[in-house]
Amino acid sequence: MRADPSQRPSPKMRSVWRIISLLSSISLLALPIIYYFLIRYFSFPSFVLMILTGIVLAAILFLTLFLPSLKMKYTAYEIYENELEIQKGMFIIKRIIIPMVRVQHVTTEVGPLLRRYGLSTVNISTAATTHEIEGLEHHVAEKLRDKIVYLARISDDDV
């Protein structure tokens, strides 16, 4: 069996994932707010509001503090001469191997939040799908993009 990929995203990516998790989990606050208005107009038990609020706050803390660290632990990639391996997932870990001969084009992408932290995402497109390696420093992402393009060109010449 092959060893796990060793290249990891920048440690700054943990902060980006925390911000994304916080922003996306804020919508969970709608549950206790809706229940609060139901209590005011209907005869629902009020202790449920406290339980619901506690569960929502615990979920937000879990999603914001614990999950990004877990995601960082299991997100990795490795580049070989003939293939690229990407590992993703937290509870179900997915390892993807992309043969260099299948690579059609490679792009780097920088959104506003990633730009704030000096990070980029590398997108690798094949005929079937697009894979991404996120959370790389700009210079690392550009080197990786160029290396994949170079190796894909060599693999294509060999075929």
Protein backbone atom coordinates (compact mmCIF):
# COMPACT_ATOMS: atom_id res chain seq x y z
CA MET A 1 0.00 0.00 0.00
CA ARG A 2 1.16 3.49 -0.87
CA ALA A 3 2.18 5.94 1.87
CA ASP A 4 -0.09 8.85 2.68
CA PRO A 5 0.53 12.08 0.76
CA SER A 6 2.88 14.35 2.67
CA GLN A 7 2.23 17.83 1.22
CA ARG A 8 -0.31 19.79 3.27
CA PRO A 9 -2.11 23.12 2.90
CA SER A 10 -0.66 26.17 4.58
CA PRO A 11 -1.45 26.42 8.32
CA LYS A 12 -3.21 29.70 7.45
CA MET A 13 -5.89 27.63 5.71
CA ARG A 14 -7.19 26.54 9.12
CA SER A 15 -8.22 30.17 9.77
CA VAL A 16 -9.93 30.39 6.38
CA TRP A 17 -11.88 27.18 7.07
CA ARG A 18 -12.86 28.55 10.49
CA ILE A 19 -14.23 31.75 8.96
CA ILE A 20 -16.12 29.78 6.29
CA SER A 21 -17.54 27.42 8.92
CA LEU A 22 -18.59 30.30 11.15
CA LEU A 23 -20.31 32.15 8.32
CA SER A 24 -22.10 29.05 7.07
CA SER A 25 -23.18 27.88 10.54
CA ILE A 26 -24.64 31.25 11.54
CA SER A 27 -27.77 30.21 9.66
CA LEU A 28 -28.30 27.61 12.41
CA LEU A 29 -29.19 30.51 14.72
CA ALA A 30 -32.45 30.80 12.80
CA LEU A 31 -33.76 27.68 14.59
CA PRO A 32 -33.88 29.13 18.13
CA ILE A 33 -35.06 32.50 16.77
CA ILE A 34 -37.98 30.88 14.93
CA TYR A 35 -38.80 28.79 18.00
CA TYR A 36 -38.72 31.94 20.16
CA PHE A 37 -41.43 33.53 18.01
CA LEU A 38 -43.44 30.31 18.10
CA ILE A 39 -43.35 30.43 21.92
CA ARG A 40 -44.66 34.00 21.90
CA TYR A 41 -47.67 33.24 19.69
CA PHE A 42 -48.39 29.59 20.47
CA SER A 43 -48.21 27.52 23.63
CA PHE A 44 -44.95 25.66 23.02
CA PRO A 45 -42.78 24.70 26.01
CA SER A 46 -40.10 27.35 26.69
CA PHE A 47 -37.46 24.94 28.08
CA VAL A 48 -37.08 23.56 24.55
CA LEU A 49 -35.76 26.99 23.52
CA MET A 50 -32.87 26.70 25.98
CA ILE A 51 -32.07 23.16 24.84
CA LEU A 52 -32.27 24.16 21.17
CA THR A 53 -30.06 27.21 21.77
CA GLY A 54 -27.48 25.05 23.60
CA ILE A 55 -27.42 22.49 20.80
CA VAL A 56 -27.05 25.18 18.13
CA LEU A 57 -24.22 26.93 20.01
CA ALA A 58 -22.45 23.60 20.58
CA ALA A 59 -22.79 22.80 16.87
CA ILE A 60 -21.38 26.21 15.89
CA LEU A 61 -18.42 25.75 18.26
CA PHE A 62 -17.77 22.24 16.91
CA LEU A 63 -17.99 23.35 13.28
CA THR A 64 -15.82 26.42 13.87
CA LEU A 65 -13.14 25.17 16.26
CA PHE A 66 -12.81 21.41 15.88
CA LEU A 67 -13.72 20.61 12.28
CA PRO A 68 -11.12 22.87 10.55
CA SER A 69 -8.31 21.26 12.57
CA LEU A 70 -9.59 17.82 11.62
CA LYS A 71 -9.85 18.86 7.97
CA MET A 72 -6.26 20.13 8.08
CA LYS A 73 -5.08 16.78 9.42
CA TYR A 74 -6.57 14.77 6.55
CA THR A 75 -6.11 17.13 3.59
CA ALA A 76 -2.92 16.42 1.64
CA TYR A 77 -1.48 15.97 -1.82
CA GLU A 78 1.59 14.47 -3.43
CA ILE A 79 2.96 14.96 -6.91
CA TYR A 80 4.78 12.13 -8.65
CA GLU A 81 6.33 11.92 -12.10
CA ASN A 82 3.35 10.14 -13.68
CA GLU A 83 0.48 11.01 -11.35
CA LEU A 84 -0.92 13.38 -8.77
CA GLU A 85 -2.52 12.12 -5.56
CA ILE A 86 -5.03 14.17 -3.55
CA GLN A 87 -6.39 13.15 -0.17
CA LYS A 88 -9.55 14.80 1.18
CA GLY A 89 -12.22 14.17 3.76
CA MET A 90 -12.50 13.94 7.51
CA PHE A 91 -14.76 11.06 8.41
CA ILE A 92 -14.70 9.40 5.00
CA ILE A 93 -11.22 9.86 3.57
CA LYS A 94 -11.03 9.95 -0.21
CA ARG A 95 -7.73 9.45 -2.05
CA ILE A 96 -7.76 10.47 -5.69
CA ILE A 97 -5.01 9.57 -8.15
CA ILE A 98 -4.91 11.60 -11.34
CA PRO A 99 -2.65 10.28 -14.12
CA MET A 100 -0.63 13.10 -15.68
CA VAL A 101 -1.66 11.98 -19.17
CA ARG A 102 -5.29 12.81 -18.23
CA VAL A 103 -4.57 16.39 -17.18
CA GLN A 104 -6.03 18.84 -19.68
CA HIS A 105 -5.38 22.14 -17.98
CA VAL A 106 -4.34 23.57 -14.64
CA THR A 107 -5.43 26.90 -13.17
CA THR A 108 -4.87 28.84 -9.97
CA GLU A 109 -7.72 30.62 -8.28
CA VAL A 110 -7.75 33.26 -5.56
CA GLY A 111 -10.95 34.44 -3.89
CA PRO A 112 -11.25 37.43 -1.56
CA LEU A 113 -10.84 35.42 1.64
CA LEU A 114 -7.90 33.41 0.31
CA ARG A 115 -6.30 36.62 -0.99
CA ARG A 116 -6.53 38.13 2.51
CA TYR A 117 -4.42 35.23 3.82
CA GLY A 118 -2.06 35.07 0.83
CA LEU A 119 -3.38 31.69 -0.34
CA SER A 120 -4.45 30.15 -3.64
CA THR A 121 -6.29 27.11 -4.96
CA VAL A 122 -4.90 24.96 -7.78
CA ASN A 123 -7.57 23.44 -10.06
CA ILE A 124 -6.61 20.38 -12.11
CA SER A 125 -9.02 19.59 -14.95
CA THR A 126 -9.34 16.25 -16.70
CA ALA A 127 -11.89 15.21 -19.32
CA ALA A 128 -14.20 13.90 -16.60
CA THR A 129 -13.92 16.37 -13.74
CA THR A 130 -12.00 19.10 -11.95
CA HIS A 131 -10.00 18.50 -8.77
CA GLU A 132 -8.70 21.16 -6.44
CA ILE A 133 -5.86 21.58 -4.01
CA GLU A 134 -6.74 24.49 -1.76
CA GLY A 135 -4.87 26.52 0.78
CA LEU A 136 -1.45 26.84 -0.84
CA GLU A 137 0.78 29.90 -0.52
CA HIS A 138 0.76 31.88 -3.81
CA HIS A 139 4.33 30.96 -4.76
CA VAL A 140 3.76 27.28 -3.89
CA ALA A 141 0.55 27.21 -5.96
CA GLU A 142 2.31 28.72 -8.96
CA LYS A 143 5.22 26.27 -8.70
CA LEU A 144 2.79 23.35 -8.36
CA ARG A 145 0.76 24.54 -11.35
CA ASP A 146 3.88 24.87 -13.50
CA LYS A 147 5.23 21.49 -12.36
CA ILE A 148 1.94 19.70 -13.15
CA VAL A 149 1.82 21.34 -16.59
CA TYR A 150 5.44 20.32 -17.23
CA LEU A 151 4.87 16.70 -16.10
CA ALA A 152 1.62 16.47 -18.06
CA ARG A 153 3.42 17.67 -21.18
CA ILE A 154 6.19 15.07 -20.69
CA SER A 155 3.62 12.30 -20.10
CA ASP A 156 1.71 13.39 -23.19
CA ASP A 157 4.90 13.24 -25.29
CA ASP A 158 5.62 9.71 -24.07
CA VAL A 159 2.23 8.39 -25.20
